Amino acid sequence: GAVPALFSMVRSGESASRALLVICNLACCSEGRSAML
């Protein structure tokens, strides 16, 4: 359940750049892309 948690950080602006680093990696797999969309 990391995807909703990470995007919550992006929306709030708290440690957003750090969360985006992990998001970029998760978007490289099909499960991550599906969960993000």
Full PDB file with SEQRES, HELIX, SHEET, SSBOND, CRYST1, ORIGX, SCALE, CONECT and MASTER records, all heavy atoms in Angstrom:
SEQRES   1 A   37  GLY ALA VAL PRO ALA LEU PHE SER MET VAL ARG SER GLY          
SEQRES   2 A   37  GLU SER ALA SER ARG ALA LEU LEU VAL ILE CYS ASN LEU          
SEQRES   3 A   37  ALA CYS CYS SER GLU GLY ARG SER ALA MET LEU                  
HELIX    1 AA1 ALA A    2  SER A   12  1                                  11    
HELIX    2 AA2 ALA A   16  LEU A   26  1                                  11    
HELIX    3 AA3 SER A   30  MET A   36  1                                   7    
CRYST1    1.000    1.000    1.000  90.00  90.00  90.00 P 1           1          
ORIGX1      1.000000  0.000000  0.000000        0.00000                         
ORIGX2      0.000000  1.000000  0.000000        0.00000                         
ORIGX3      0.000000  0.000000  1.000000        0.00000                         
SCALE1      1.000000  0.000000  0.000000        0.00000                         
SCALE2      0.000000  1.000000  0.000000        0.00000                         
SCALE3      0.000000  0.000000  1.000000        0.00000                         
ATOM      1  N   GLY A   1       0.795  -1.227   0.000  1.00  0.00           N  
ATOM      2  CA  GLY A   1       0.000   0.000   0.000  1.00  0.00           C  
ATOM      3  C   GLY A   1       0.820   1.266   0.000  1.00  0.00           C  
ATOM      4  O   GLY A   1       0.358   2.313   0.483  1.00  0.00           O  
ATOM      5  N   ALA A   2       2.034   1.203  -0.579  1.00  0.00           N  
ATOM      6  CA  ALA A   2       2.909   2.370  -0.532  1.00  0.00           C  
ATOM      7  C   ALA A   2       2.456   3.485  -1.462  1.00  0.00           C  
ATOM      8  O   ALA A   2       2.709   4.665  -1.190  1.00  0.00           O  
ATOM      9  CB  ALA A   2       4.339   1.955  -0.883  1.00  0.00           C  
ATOM     10  N   VAL A   3       1.792   3.144  -2.560  1.00  0.00           N  
ATOM     11  CA  VAL A   3       1.461   4.165  -3.563  1.00  0.00           C  
ATOM     12  C   VAL A   3       0.560   5.254  -2.999  1.00  0.00           C  
ATOM     13  O   VAL A   3       0.872   6.449  -3.124  1.00  0.00           O  
ATOM     14  CB  VAL A   3       0.833   3.503  -4.806  1.00  0.00           C  
ATOM     15  CG1 VAL A   3       0.234   4.556  -5.741  1.00  0.00           C  
ATOM     16  CG2 VAL A   3       1.889   2.685  -5.547  1.00  0.00           C  
ATOM     17  N   PRO A   4      -0.576   4.940  -2.345  1.00  0.00           N  
ATOM     18  CA  PRO A   4      -1.390   6.021  -1.767  1.00  0.00           C  
ATOM     19  C   PRO A   4      -0.631   6.834  -0.724  1.00  0.00           C  
ATOM     20  O   PRO A   4      -0.793   8.062  -0.651  1.00  0.00           O  
ATOM     21  CB  PRO A   4      -2.575   5.268  -1.140  1.00  0.00           C  
ATOM     22  CG  PRO A   4      -2.632   3.968  -1.847  1.00  0.00           C  
ATOM     23  CD  PRO A   4      -1.217   3.628  -2.182  1.00  0.00           C  
ATOM     24  N   ALA A   5       0.192   6.171   0.070  1.00  0.00           N  
ATOM     25  CA  ALA A   5       0.952   6.881   1.106  1.00  0.00           C  
ATOM     26  C   ALA A   5       1.941   7.857   0.484  1.00  0.00           C  
ATOM     27  O   ALA A   5       2.083   8.997   0.948  1.00  0.00           O  
ATOM     28  CB  ALA A   5       1.684   5.871   1.998  1.00  0.00           C  
ATOM     29  N   LEU A   6       2.648   7.428  -0.561  1.00  0.00           N  
ATOM     30  CA  LEU A   6       3.636   8.291  -1.198  1.00  0.00           C  
ATOM     31  C   LEU A   6       2.983   9.481  -1.890  1.00  0.00           C  
ATOM     32  O   LEU A   6       3.476  10.615  -1.813  1.00  0.00           O  
ATOM     33  CB  LEU A   6       4.456   7.480  -2.193  1.00  0.00           C  
ATOM     34  CG  LEU A   6       5.393   6.416  -1.585  1.00  0.00           C  
ATOM     35  CD1 LEU A   6       5.945   5.508  -2.672  1.00  0.00           C  
ATOM     36  CD2 LEU A   6       6.525   7.070  -0.819  1.00  0.00           C  
ATOM     37  N   PHE A   7       1.853   9.254  -2.552  1.00  0.00           N  
ATOM     38  CA  PHE A   7       1.191  10.365  -3.233  1.00  0.00           C  
ATOM     39  C   PHE A   7       0.511  11.309  -2.242  1.00  0.00           C  
ATOM     40  O   PHE A   7       0.312  12.493  -2.548  1.00  0.00           O  
ATOM     41  CB  PHE A   7       0.202   9.840  -4.272  1.00  0.00           C  
ATOM     42  CG  PHE A   7       0.857   9.509  -5.572  1.00  0.00           C  
ATOM     43  CD1 PHE A   7       1.222   8.204  -5.878  1.00  0.00           C  
ATOM     44  CD2 PHE A   7       1.167  10.509  -6.488  1.00  0.00           C  
ATOM     45  CE1 PHE A   7       1.852   7.904  -7.074  1.00  0.00           C  
ATOM     46  CE2 PHE A   7       1.796  10.220  -7.677  1.00  0.00           C  
ATOM     47  CZ  PHE A   7       2.142   8.910  -7.981  1.00  0.00           C  
ATOM     48  N   SER A   8       0.168  10.792  -1.083  1.00  0.00           N  
ATOM     49  CA  SER A   8      -0.314  11.686  -0.025  1.00  0.00           C  
ATOM     50  C   SER A   8       0.779  12.665   0.391  1.00  0.00           C  
ATOM     51  O   SER A   8       0.520  13.846   0.647  1.00  0.00           O  
ATOM     52  CB  SER A   8      -0.782  10.860   1.180  1.00  0.00           C  
ATOM     53  OG  SER A   8      -1.127  11.697   2.265  1.00  0.00           O  
ATOM     54  N   MET A   9       2.039  12.180   0.450  1.00  0.00           N  
ATOM     55  CA  MET A   9       3.160  13.054   0.765  1.00  0.00           C  
ATOM     56  C   MET A   9       3.392  14.074  -0.345  1.00  0.00           C  
ATOM     57  O   MET A   9       3.720  15.235  -0.084  1.00  0.00           O  
ATOM     58  CB  MET A   9       4.417  12.213   0.994  1.00  0.00           C  
ATOM     59  CG  MET A   9       4.340  11.294   2.187  1.00  0.00           C  
ATOM     60  SD  MET A   9       5.771  10.196   2.329  1.00  0.00           S  
ATOM     61  CE  MET A   9       7.060  11.390   2.614  1.00  0.00           C  
ATOM     62  N   VAL A  10       3.211  13.650  -1.598  1.00  0.00           N  
ATOM     63  CA  VAL A  10       3.387  14.583  -2.712  1.00  0.00           C  
ATOM     64  C   VAL A  10       2.341  15.683  -2.650  1.00  0.00           C  
ATOM     65  O   VAL A  10       2.646  16.873  -2.839  1.00  0.00           O  
ATOM     66  CB  VAL A  10       3.318  13.827  -4.058  1.00  0.00           C  
ATOM     67  CG1 VAL A  10       3.350  14.808  -5.223  1.00  0.00           C  
ATOM     68  CG2 VAL A  10       4.469  12.842  -4.173  1.00  0.00           C  
ATOM     69  N   ARG A  11       1.104  15.310  -2.380  1.00  0.00           N  
ATOM     70  CA  ARG A  11       0.036  16.317  -2.303  1.00  0.00           C  
ATOM     71  C   ARG A  11       0.266  17.299  -1.161  1.00  0.00           C  
ATOM     72  O   ARG A  11       0.049  18.497  -1.307  1.00  0.00           O  
ATOM     73  CB  ARG A  11      -1.331  15.633  -2.128  1.00  0.00           C  
ATOM     74  CG  ARG A  11      -1.873  14.989  -3.376  1.00  0.00           C  
ATOM     75  CD  ARG A  11      -3.365  14.687  -3.231  1.00  0.00           C  
ATOM     76  NE  ARG A  11      -3.616  13.830  -2.078  1.00  0.00           N  
ATOM     77  CZ  ARG A  11      -3.659  12.506  -2.149  1.00  0.00           C  
ATOM     78  NH1 ARG A  11      -3.456  11.895  -3.307  1.00  0.00           N  
ATOM     79  NH2 ARG A  11      -3.900  11.789  -1.073  1.00  0.00           N  
ATOM     80  N   SER A  12       0.708  16.788  -0.016  1.00  0.00           N  
ATOM     81  CA  SER A  12       0.903  17.659   1.143  1.00  0.00           C  
ATOM     82  C   SER A  12       2.164  18.504   1.029  1.00  0.00           C  
ATOM     83  O   SER A  12       2.307  19.510   1.721  1.00  0.00           O  
ATOM     84  CB  SER A  12       0.961  16.815   2.426  1.00  0.00           C  
ATOM     85  OG  SER A  12       2.126  15.999   2.436  1.00  0.00           O  
ATOM     86  N   GLY A  13       3.103  18.076   0.173  1.00  0.00           N  
ATOM     87  CA  GLY A  13       4.354  18.820   0.021  1.00  0.00           C  
ATOM     88  C   GLY A  13       5.399  18.451   1.048  1.00  0.00           C  
ATOM     89  O   GLY A  13       6.525  18.947   0.995  1.00  0.00           O  
ATOM     90  N   GLU A  14       5.075  17.555   2.002  1.00  0.00           N  
ATOM     91  CA  GLU A  14       6.027  17.162   3.038  1.00  0.00           C  
ATOM     92  C   GLU A  14       6.917  16.047   2.505  1.00  0.00           C  
ATOM     93  O   GLU A  14       6.449  14.954   2.202  1.00  0.00           O  
ATOM     94  CB  GLU A  14       5.285  16.699   4.289  1.00  0.00           C  
ATOM     95  CG  GLU A  14       6.198  16.340   5.434  1.00  0.00           C  
ATOM     96  CD  GLU A  14       5.428  15.925   6.675  1.00  0.00           C  
ATOM     97  OE1 GLU A  14       4.194  16.018   6.671  1.00  0.00           O  
ATOM     98  OE2 GLU A  14       6.071  15.518   7.653  1.00  0.00           O  
ATOM     99  N   SER A  15       8.219  16.329   2.384  1.00  0.00           N  
ATOM    100  CA  SER A  15       9.177  15.364   1.836  1.00  0.00           C  
ATOM    101  C   SER A  15       8.752  14.886   0.454  1.00  0.00           C  
ATOM    102  O   SER A  15       8.927  13.720   0.097  1.00  0.00           O  
ATOM    103  CB  SER A  15       9.352  14.167   2.784  1.00  0.00           C  
ATOM    104  OG  SER A  15       9.885  14.561   4.016  1.00  0.00           O  
ATOM    105  N   ALA A  16       8.173  15.794  -0.336  1.00  0.00           N  
ATOM    106  CA  ALA A  16       7.636  15.407  -1.643  1.00  0.00           C  
ATOM    107  C   ALA A  16       8.725  14.895  -2.573  1.00  0.00           C  
ATOM    108  O   ALA A  16       8.543  13.895  -3.269  1.00  0.00           O  
ATOM    109  CB  ALA A  16       6.913  16.593  -2.278  1.00  0.00           C  
ATOM    110  N   SER A  17       9.886  15.577  -2.606  1.00  0.00           N  
ATOM    111  CA  SER A  17      10.949  15.145  -3.512  1.00  0.00           C  
ATOM    112  C   SER A  17      11.460  13.762  -3.140  1.00  0.00           C  
ATOM    113  O   SER A  17      11.826  12.967  -4.006  1.00  0.00           O  
ATOM    114  CB  SER A  17      12.099  16.156  -3.491  1.00  0.00           C  
ATOM    115  OG  SER A  17      11.698  17.375  -4.062  1.00  0.00           O  
ATOM    116  N   ARG A  18      11.513  13.480  -1.847  1.00  0.00           N  
ATOM    117  CA  ARG A  18      11.945  12.150  -1.399  1.00  0.00           C  
ATOM    118  C   ARG A  18      10.938  11.095  -1.848  1.00  0.00           C  
ATOM    119  O   ARG A  18      11.316  10.014  -2.325  1.00  0.00           O  
ATOM    120  CB  ARG A  18      12.099  12.144   0.112  1.00  0.00           C  
ATOM    121  CG  ARG A  18      13.205  13.037   0.618  1.00  0.00           C  
ATOM    122  CD  ARG A  18      13.132  13.188   2.123  1.00  0.00           C  
ATOM    123  NE  ARG A  18      14.172  14.071   2.615  1.00  0.00           N  
ATOM    124  CZ  ARG A  18      14.205  14.581   3.839  1.00  0.00           C  
ATOM    125  NH1 ARG A  18      13.247  14.290   4.694  1.00  0.00           N  
ATOM    126  NH2 ARG A  18      15.190  15.364   4.213  1.00  0.00           N  
ATOM    127  N   ALA A  19       9.652  11.388  -1.665  1.00  0.00           N  
ATOM    128  CA  ALA A  19       8.632  10.428  -2.090  1.00  0.00           C  
ATOM    129  C   ALA A  19       8.687  10.205  -3.593  1.00  0.00           C  
ATOM    130  O   ALA A  19       8.502   9.082  -4.074  1.00  0.00           O  
ATOM    131  CB  ALA A  19       7.252  10.931  -1.675  1.00  0.00           C  
ATOM    132  N   LEU A  20       8.961  11.262  -4.354  1.00  0.00           N  
ATOM    133  CA  LEU A  20       9.007  11.141  -5.805  1.00  0.00           C  
ATOM    134  C   LEU A  20      10.145  10.235  -6.266  1.00  0.00           C  
ATOM    135  O   LEU A  20      10.034   9.569  -7.301  1.00  0.00           O  
ATOM    136  CB  LEU A  20       9.147  12.529  -6.438  1.00  0.00           C  
ATOM    137  CG  LEU A  20       7.863  13.361  -6.454  1.00  0.00           C  
ATOM    138  CD1 LEU A  20       8.175  14.819  -6.778  1.00  0.00           C  
ATOM    139  CD2 LEU A  20       6.866  12.798  -7.460  1.00  0.00           C  
ATOM    140  N   LEU A  21      11.255  10.215  -5.514  1.00  0.00           N  
ATOM    141  CA  LEU A  21      12.344   9.303  -5.859  1.00  0.00           C  
ATOM    142  C   LEU A  21      11.865   7.855  -5.866  1.00  0.00           C  
ATOM    143  O   LEU A  21      12.156   7.083  -6.777  1.00  0.00           O  
ATOM    144  CB  LEU A  21      13.493   9.455  -4.858  1.00  0.00           C  
ATOM    145  CG  LEU A  21      14.418  10.659  -5.003  1.00  0.00           C  
ATOM    146  CD1 LEU A  21      15.389  10.704  -3.836  1.00  0.00           C  
ATOM    147  CD2 LEU A  21      15.170  10.613  -6.308  1.00  0.00           C  
ATOM    148  N   VAL A  22      11.096   7.481  -4.844  1.00  0.00           N  
ATOM    149  CA  VAL A  22      10.585   6.113  -4.743  1.00  0.00           C  
ATOM    150  C   VAL A  22       9.498   5.879  -5.788  1.00  0.00           C  
ATOM    151  O   VAL A  22       9.424   4.808  -6.397  1.00  0.00           O  
ATOM    152  CB  VAL A  22      10.054   5.843  -3.320  1.00  0.00           C  
ATOM    153  CG1 VAL A  22       9.630   4.390  -3.169  1.00  0.00           C  
ATOM    154  CG2 VAL A  22      11.115   6.181  -2.273  1.00  0.00           C  
ATOM    155  N   ILE A  23       8.663   6.898  -6.012  1.00  0.00           N  
ATOM    156  CA  ILE A  23       7.584   6.767  -6.993  1.00  0.00           C  
ATOM    157  C   ILE A  23       8.149   6.468  -8.372  1.00  0.00           C  
ATOM    158  O   ILE A  23       7.596   5.650  -9.126  1.00  0.00           O  
ATOM    159  CB  ILE A  23       6.739   8.056  -7.005  1.00  0.00           C  
ATOM    160  CG1 ILE A  23       5.858   8.115  -5.746  1.00  0.00           C  
ATOM    161  CG2 ILE A  23       5.867   8.137  -8.257  1.00  0.00           C  
ATOM    162  CD1 ILE A  23       5.148   9.437  -5.551  1.00  0.00           C  
ATOM    163  N   CYS A  24       9.249   7.121  -8.734  1.00  0.00           N  
ATOM    164  CA  CYS A  24       9.858   6.873 -10.049  1.00  0.00           C  
ATOM    165  C   CYS A  24      10.235   5.408 -10.215  1.00  0.00           C  
ATOM    166  O   CYS A  24      10.070   4.831 -11.302  1.00  0.00           O  
ATOM    167  CB  CYS A  24      11.093   7.755 -10.224  1.00  0.00           C  
ATOM    168  SG  CYS A  24      10.728   9.499 -10.481  1.00  0.00           S  
ATOM    169  N   ASN A  25      10.743   4.802  -9.161  1.00  0.00           N  
ATOM    170  CA  ASN A  25      11.101   3.378  -9.249  1.00  0.00           C  
ATOM    171  C   ASN A  25       9.869   2.495  -9.341  1.00  0.00           C  
ATOM    172  O   ASN A  25       9.816   1.536 -10.121  1.00  0.00           O  
ATOM    173  CB  ASN A  25      11.939   2.972  -8.037  1.00  0.00           C  
ATOM    174  CG  ASN A  25      13.392   3.354  -8.179  1.00  0.00           C  
ATOM    175  OD1 ASN A  25      13.827   3.757  -9.241  1.00  0.00           O  
ATOM    176  ND2 ASN A  25      14.145   3.228  -7.109  1.00  0.00           N  
ATOM    177  N   LEU A  26       8.848   2.782  -8.523  1.00  0.00           N  
ATOM    178  CA  LEU A  26       7.641   1.954  -8.532  1.00  0.00           C  
ATOM    179  C   LEU A  26       6.921   2.036  -9.868  1.00  0.00           C  
ATOM    180  O   LEU A  26       6.257   1.078 -10.280  1.00  0.00           O  
ATOM    181  CB  LEU A  26       6.698   2.383  -7.402  1.00  0.00           C  
ATOM    182  CG  LEU A  26       7.225   2.223  -5.972  1.00  0.00           C  
ATOM    183  CD1 LEU A  26       6.144   2.579  -4.963  1.00  0.00           C  
ATOM    184  CD2 LEU A  26       7.726   0.809  -5.713  1.00  0.00           C  
ATOM    185  N   ALA A  27       7.047   3.178 -10.550  1.00  0.00           N  
ATOM    186  CA  ALA A  27       6.385   3.336 -11.850  1.00  0.00           C  
ATOM    187  C   ALA A  27       7.038   2.497 -12.937  1.00  0.00           C  
ATOM    188  O   ALA A  27       6.506   2.415 -14.046  1.00  0.00           O  
ATOM    189  CB  ALA A  27       6.396   4.811 -12.253  1.00  0.00           C  
ATOM    190  N   CYS A  28       8.176   1.887 -12.633  1.00  0.00           N  
ATOM    191  CA  CYS A  28       8.874   1.052 -13.624  1.00  0.00           C  
ATOM    192  C   CYS A  28       8.291  -0.348 -13.719  1.00  0.00           C  
ATOM    193  O   CYS A  28       8.665  -1.106 -14.617  1.00  0.00           O  
ATOM    194  CB  CYS A  28      10.362   0.965 -13.284  1.00  0.00           C  
ATOM    195  SG  CYS A  28      11.220   2.521 -13.443  1.00  0.00           S  
ATOM    196  N   CYS A  29       7.408  -0.718 -12.803  1.00  0.00           N  
ATOM    197  CA  CYS A  29       6.813  -2.053 -12.868  1.00  0.00           C  
ATOM    198  C   CYS A  29       5.323  -1.923 -13.166  1.00  0.00           C  
ATOM    199  O   CYS A  29       4.686  -0.911 -12.855  1.00  0.00           O  
ATOM    200  CB  CYS A  29       7.034  -2.827 -11.568  1.00  0.00           C  
ATOM    201  SG  CYS A  29       6.193  -2.166 -10.117  1.00  0.00           S  
ATOM    202  N   SER A  30       4.764  -2.939 -13.778  1.00  0.00           N  
ATOM    203  CA  SER A  30       3.360  -2.878 -14.203  1.00  0.00           C  
ATOM    204  C   SER A  30       2.417  -2.736 -13.016  1.00  0.00           C  
ATOM    205  O   SER A  30       1.419  -2.006 -13.087  1.00  0.00           O  
ATOM    206  CB  SER A  30       3.009  -4.132 -15.011  1.00  0.00           C  
ATOM    207  OG  SER A  30       3.237  -5.309 -14.235  1.00  0.00           O  
ATOM    208  N   GLU A  31       2.724  -3.419 -11.889  1.00  0.00           N  
ATOM    209  CA  GLU A  31       1.867  -3.288 -10.710  1.00  0.00           C  
ATOM    210  C   GLU A  31       1.863  -1.860 -10.189  1.00  0.00           C  
ATOM    211  O   GLU A  31       0.830  -1.330  -9.785  1.00  0.00           O  
ATOM    212  CB  GLU A  31       2.336  -4.231  -9.592  1.00  0.00           C  
ATOM    213  CG  GLU A  31       2.363  -5.696  -9.982  1.00  0.00           C  
ATOM    214  CD  GLU A  31       3.776  -6.132 -10.335  1.00  0.00           C  
ATOM    215  OE1 GLU A  31       4.458  -5.387 -11.069  1.00  0.00           O  
ATOM    216  OE2 GLU A  31       4.189  -7.201  -9.865  1.00  0.00           O  
ATOM    217  N   GLY A  32       3.060  -1.240 -10.194  1.00  0.00           N  
ATOM    218  CA  GLY A  32       3.156   0.132  -9.715  1.00  0.00           C  
ATOM    219  C   GLY A  32       2.409   1.093 -10.614  1.00  0.00           C  
ATOM    220  O   GLY A  32       1.688   1.980 -10.133  1.00  0.00           O  
ATOM    221  N   ARG A  33       2.538   0.941 -11.942  1.00  0.00           N  
ATOM    222  CA  ARG A  33       1.826   1.831 -12.857  1.00  0.00           C  
ATOM    223  C   ARG A  33       0.326   1.701 -12.694  1.00  0.00           C  
ATOM    224  O   ARG A  33      -0.397   2.701 -12.676  1.00  0.00           O  
ATOM    225  CB  ARG A  33       2.240   1.536 -14.301  1.00  0.00           C  
ATOM    226  CG  ARG A  33       3.637   1.991 -14.645  1.00  0.00           C  
ATOM    227  CD  ARG A  33       3.866   1.973 -16.155  1.00  0.00           C  
ATOM    228  NE  ARG A  33       3.831   0.630 -16.705  1.00  0.00           N  
ATOM    229  CZ  ARG A  33       4.877  -0.169 -16.804  1.00  0.00           C  
ATOM    230  NH1 ARG A  33       6.059   0.227 -16.334  1.00  0.00           N  
ATOM    231  NH2 ARG A  33       4.778  -1.365 -17.332  1.00  0.00           N  
ATOM    232  N   SER A  34      -0.154   0.483 -12.573  1.00  0.00           N  
ATOM    233  CA  SER A  34      -1.590   0.266 -12.414  1.00  0.00           C  
ATOM    234  C   SER A  34      -2.100   0.909 -11.124  1.00  0.00           C  
ATOM    235  O   SER A  34      -3.137   1.592 -11.126  1.00  0.00           O  
ATOM    236  CB  SER A  34      -1.884  -1.233 -12.414  1.00  0.00           C  
ATOM    237  OG  SER A  34      -3.259  -1.479 -12.203  1.00  0.00           O  
ATOM    238  N   ALA A  35      -1.362   0.700 -10.020  1.00  0.00           N  
ATOM    239  CA  ALA A  35      -1.784   1.282  -8.740  1.00  0.00           C  
ATOM    240  C   ALA A  35      -1.743   2.805  -8.780  1.00  0.00           C  
ATOM    241  O   ALA A  35      -2.596   3.482  -8.198  1.00  0.00           O  
ATOM    242  CB  ALA A  35      -0.886   0.759  -7.615  1.00  0.00           C  
ATOM    243  N   MET A  36      -0.769   3.364  -9.479  1.00  0.00           N  
ATOM    244  CA  MET A  36      -0.656   4.826  -9.552  1.00  0.00           C  
ATOM    245  C   MET A  36      -1.773   5.435 -10.387  1.00  0.00           C  
ATOM    246  O   MET A  36      -2.335   6.472 -10.030  1.00  0.00           O  
ATOM    247  CB  MET A  36       0.709   5.218 -10.125  1.00  0.00           C  
ATOM    248  CG  MET A  36       1.861   4.958  -9.175  1.00  0.00           C  
ATOM    249  SD  MET A  36       3.443   5.425  -9.901  1.00  0.00           S  
ATOM    250  CE  MET A  36       4.561   4.688  -8.703  1.00  0.00           C  
ATOM    251  N   LEU A  37      -2.105   4.800 -11.513  1.00  0.00           N  
ATOM    252  CA  LEU A  37      -3.196   5.316 -12.330  1.00  0.00           C  
ATOM    253  C   LEU A  37      -4.514   5.235 -11.575  1.00  0.00           C  
ATOM    254  O   LEU A  37      -5.361   6.128 -11.694  1.00  0.00           O  
ATOM    255  CB  LEU A  37      -3.274   4.537 -13.643  1.00  0.00           C  
ATOM    256  CG  LEU A  37      -2.075   4.720 -14.587  1.00  0.00           C  
ATOM    257  CD1 LEU A  37      -2.213   3.824 -15.808  1.00  0.00           C  
ATOM    258  CD2 LEU A  37      -1.919   6.167 -15.009  1.00  0.00           C  
TER     259      LEU A  37                                                      
MASTER        0    0    0    3    0    0    0    6  258    1    0    3          
END                                                                             
